[in-house]
C-alpha atoms as a PDB file:
ATOM      1  CA  MET A   1     -20.750  36.600  21.062  1.00  0.00           C
ATOM      2  CA  ALA A   2     -19.441  34.951  17.891  1.00  0.00           C
ATOM      3  CA  SER A   3     -20.972  31.759  16.631  1.00  0.00           C
ATOM      4  CA  HIS A   4     -18.632  28.813  16.165  1.00  0.00           C
ATOM      5  CA  GLU A   5     -21.065  26.714  14.123  1.00  0.00           C
ATOM      6  CA  SER A   6     -19.059  27.278  10.940  1.00  0.00           C
ATOM      7  CA  ASP A   7     -15.917  25.840  12.601  1.00  0.00           C
ATOM      8  CA  PHE A   8     -17.360  22.330  12.747  1.00  0.00           C
ATOM      9  CA  GLN A   9     -19.157  20.602   9.901  1.00  0.00           C
ATOM     10  CA  LEU A  10     -20.700  17.168  10.123  1.00  0.00           C
ATOM     11  CA  PRO A  11     -19.782  14.808   7.304  1.00  0.00           C
ATOM     12  CA  GLU A  12     -22.332  14.476   4.533  1.00  0.00           C
ATOM     13  CA  ALA A  13     -24.649  11.486   5.054  1.00  0.00           C
ATOM     14  CA  ARG A  14     -23.780   8.545   2.818  1.00  0.00           C
ATOM     15  CA  GLU A  15     -25.214   5.087   2.322  1.00  0.00           C
ATOM     16  CA  ASP A  16     -21.913   3.288   1.723  1.00  0.00           C
ATOM     17  CA  PRO A  17     -20.589   1.641   4.927  1.00  0.00           C
ATOM     18  CA  LEU A  18     -16.976   2.296   3.876  1.00  0.00           C
ATOM     19  CA  ASP A  19     -17.733   6.000   3.541  1.00  0.00           C
ATOM     20  CA  ALA A  20     -19.352   5.949   6.981  1.00  0.00           C
ATOM     21  CA  ALA A  21     -16.276   4.240   8.467  1.00  0.00           C
ATOM     22  CA  LEU A  22     -13.971   6.810   6.845  1.00  0.00           C
ATOM     23  CA  ASP A  23     -16.125   9.682   8.103  1.00  0.00           C
ATOM     24  CA  LYS A  24     -16.138   8.225  11.625  1.00  0.00           C
ATOM     25  CA  GLN A  25     -12.358   7.765  11.604  1.00  0.00           C
ATOM     26  CA  ARG A  26     -11.789  11.349  10.436  1.00  0.00           C
ATOM     27  CA  MET A  27     -14.184  12.735  13.055  1.00  0.00           C
ATOM     28  CA  LEU A  28     -12.534  10.772  15.890  1.00  0.00           C
ATOM     29  CA  ALA A  29      -9.099  11.880  14.708  1.00  0.00           C
ATOM     30  CA  ARG A  30     -10.157  15.546  14.616  1.00  0.00           C
ATOM     31  CA  MET A  31     -11.963  15.510  17.944  1.00  0.00           C
ATOM     32  CA  PHE A  32      -9.802  13.226  20.068  1.00  0.00           C
ATOM     33  CA  GLY A  33      -6.727  12.218  18.086  1.00  0.00           C
ATOM     34  CA  LEU A  34      -8.202   8.710  17.933  1.00  0.00           C
ATOM     35  CA  GLY A  35      -9.281   6.324  15.264  1.00  0.00           C
ATOM     36  CA  GLU A  36      -7.687   3.838  12.989  1.00  0.00           C
ATOM     37  CA  ALA A  37      -8.271   3.900   9.251  1.00  0.00           C
ATOM     38  CA  PRO A  38     -10.736   1.286   7.996  1.00  0.00           C
ATOM     39  CA  ARG A  39      -9.134  -1.691   6.252  1.00  0.00           C
ATOM     40  CA  LEU A  40      -9.926  -4.140   3.502  1.00  0.00           C
ATOM     41  CA  GLU A  41      -7.545  -7.023   4.078  1.00  0.00           C
ATOM     42  CA  HIS A  42      -4.068  -5.405   3.939  1.00  0.00           C
ATOM     43  CA  TYR A  43      -5.307  -2.157   2.358  1.00  0.00           C
ATOM     44  CA  GLU A  44      -5.773   0.850   4.654  1.00  0.00           C
ATOM     45  CA  LEU A  45      -8.469   3.121   3.218  1.00  0.00           C
ATOM     46  CA  GLN A  46      -7.615   6.810   3.323  1.00  0.00           C
ATOM     47  CA  GLU A  47     -10.294   8.759   1.483  1.00  0.00           C
ATOM     48  CA  ARG A  48     -13.050   8.557  -1.079  1.00  0.00           C
ATOM     49  CA  LEU A  49     -11.760   9.808  -4.425  1.00  0.00           C
ATOM     50  CA  GLY A  50     -14.978   9.661  -6.403  1.00  0.00           C
ATOM     51  CA  SER A  51     -17.841   7.609  -7.679  1.00  0.00           C
ATOM     52  CA  GLY A  52     -19.450   6.754 -10.970  1.00  0.00           C
ATOM     53  CA  ALA A  53     -21.874   4.390 -12.631  1.00  0.00           C
ATOM     54  CA  MET A  54     -19.831   1.297 -11.726  1.00  0.00           C
ATOM     55  CA  GLY A  55     -18.825   2.057  -8.170  1.00  0.00           C
ATOM     56  CA  VAL A  56     -16.807   4.084  -5.691  1.00  0.00           C
ATOM     57  CA  VAL A  57     -13.028   4.643  -5.777  1.00  0.00           C
ATOM     58  CA  TYR A  58     -10.932   5.033  -2.631  1.00  0.00           C
ATOM     59  CA  ALA A  59      -7.320   6.058  -2.098  1.00  0.00           C
ATOM     60  CA  ALA A  60      -5.613   3.413   0.012  1.00  0.00           C
ATOM     61  CA  HIS A  61      -2.248   2.291   1.307  1.00  0.00           C
ATOM     62  CA  ASP A  62      -1.111  -1.254   0.507  1.00  0.00           C
ATOM     63  CA  ARG A  63       0.519  -2.320   3.772  1.00  0.00           C
ATOM     64  CA  LYS A  64       2.144  -5.418   2.244  1.00  0.00           C
ATOM     65  CA  LEU A  65       3.947  -3.610  -0.571  1.00  0.00           C
ATOM     66  CA  ASP A  66       4.121  -0.161   1.109  1.00  0.00           C
ATOM     67  CA  ARG A  67       2.609   1.735  -1.806  1.00  0.00           C
ATOM     68  CA  GLN A  68      -0.333   4.005  -2.600  1.00  0.00           C
ATOM     69  CA  VAL A  69      -3.157   2.396  -4.578  1.00  0.00           C
ATOM     70  CA  ALA A  70      -6.707   3.103  -5.691  1.00  0.00           C
ATOM     71  CA  ILE A  71      -9.430   0.596  -4.861  1.00  0.00           C
ATOM     72  CA  LYS A  72     -12.676   0.473  -6.798  1.00  0.00           C
ATOM     73  CA  ARG A  73     -15.665  -1.010  -5.004  1.00  0.00           C
ATOM     74  CA  ILE A  74     -18.155  -2.190  -7.614  1.00  0.00           C
ATOM     75  CA  ARG A  75     -21.837  -1.507  -6.969  1.00  0.00           C
ATOM     76  CA  ALA A  76     -23.723  -4.619  -5.850  1.00  0.00           C
ATOM     77  CA  GLU A  77     -26.722  -3.766  -8.013  1.00  0.00           C
ATOM     78  CA  LEU A  78     -24.647  -4.494 -11.133  1.00  0.00           C
ATOM     79  CA  GLY A  79     -25.150  -8.173 -10.336  1.00  0.00           C
ATOM     80  CA  GLY A  80     -23.107 -11.004 -11.804  1.00  0.00           C
ATOM     81  CA  ASP A  81     -21.691  -8.864 -14.616  1.00  0.00           C
ATOM     82  CA  ARG A  82     -19.465  -6.942 -12.206  1.00  0.00           C
ATOM     83  CA  ARG A  83     -16.288  -8.872 -12.988  1.00  0.00           C
ATOM     84  CA  ARG A  84     -16.816  -8.655 -16.751  1.00  0.00           C
ATOM     85  CA  LEU A  85     -17.509  -4.905 -16.542  1.00  0.00           C
ATOM     86  CA  LEU A  86     -14.384  -4.321 -14.463  1.00  0.00           C
ATOM     87  CA  GLU A  87     -12.262  -6.341 -16.912  1.00  0.00           C
ATOM     88  CA  ARG A  88     -13.643  -4.324 -19.857  1.00  0.00           C
ATOM     89  CA  GLU A  89     -12.865  -1.081 -18.046  1.00  0.00           C
ATOM     90  CA  ALA A  90      -9.321  -2.288 -17.269  1.00  0.00           C
ATOM     91  CA  GLN A  91      -8.786  -3.233 -20.930  1.00  0.00           C
ATOM     92  CA  ALA A  92      -9.988   0.193 -22.081  1.00  0.00           C
ATOM     93  CA  MET A  93      -7.690   1.930 -19.587  1.00  0.00           C
ATOM     94  CA  ALA A  94      -4.746  -0.238 -20.675  1.00  0.00           C
ATOM     95  CA  ARG A  95      -5.185   1.004 -24.258  1.00  0.00           C
ATOM     96  CA  LEU A  96      -4.800   4.645 -23.201  1.00  0.00           C
ATOM     97  CA  SER A  97      -1.450   6.172 -24.003  1.00  0.00           C
ATOM     98  CA  HIS A  98      -1.042   9.815 -23.073  1.00  0.00           C
ATOM     99  CA  PRO A  99       1.628  11.722 -21.116  1.00  0.00           C
ATOM    100  CA  ASN A 100      -1.009  13.024 -18.665  1.00  0.00           C
ATOM    101  CA  VAL A 101      -2.393   9.544 -17.896  1.00  0.00           C
ATOM    102  CA  VAL A 102      -0.496   7.330 -15.481  1.00  0.00           C
END
């Protein structure tokens, strides 16, 4: 009798509540065709793209403007400097000019 354990994998445990909500939505969709994507205001979160020293980035759909966006959630432990750090990162990204960077 063949084992079917490899057919189903539980999502990796994560501390971030948004990651947990995304994992739950994906599991419900796979198992029962149920589940609505988690939302932040009018943004519908789709998947976790990555994480770094400043925070976690998610792919999302902007329901107001009907476009794909990326949302960065800044880590709470960065304290009151979060806004300043995000502005510095945005300024650095704005200075980039390369055909492979959009």
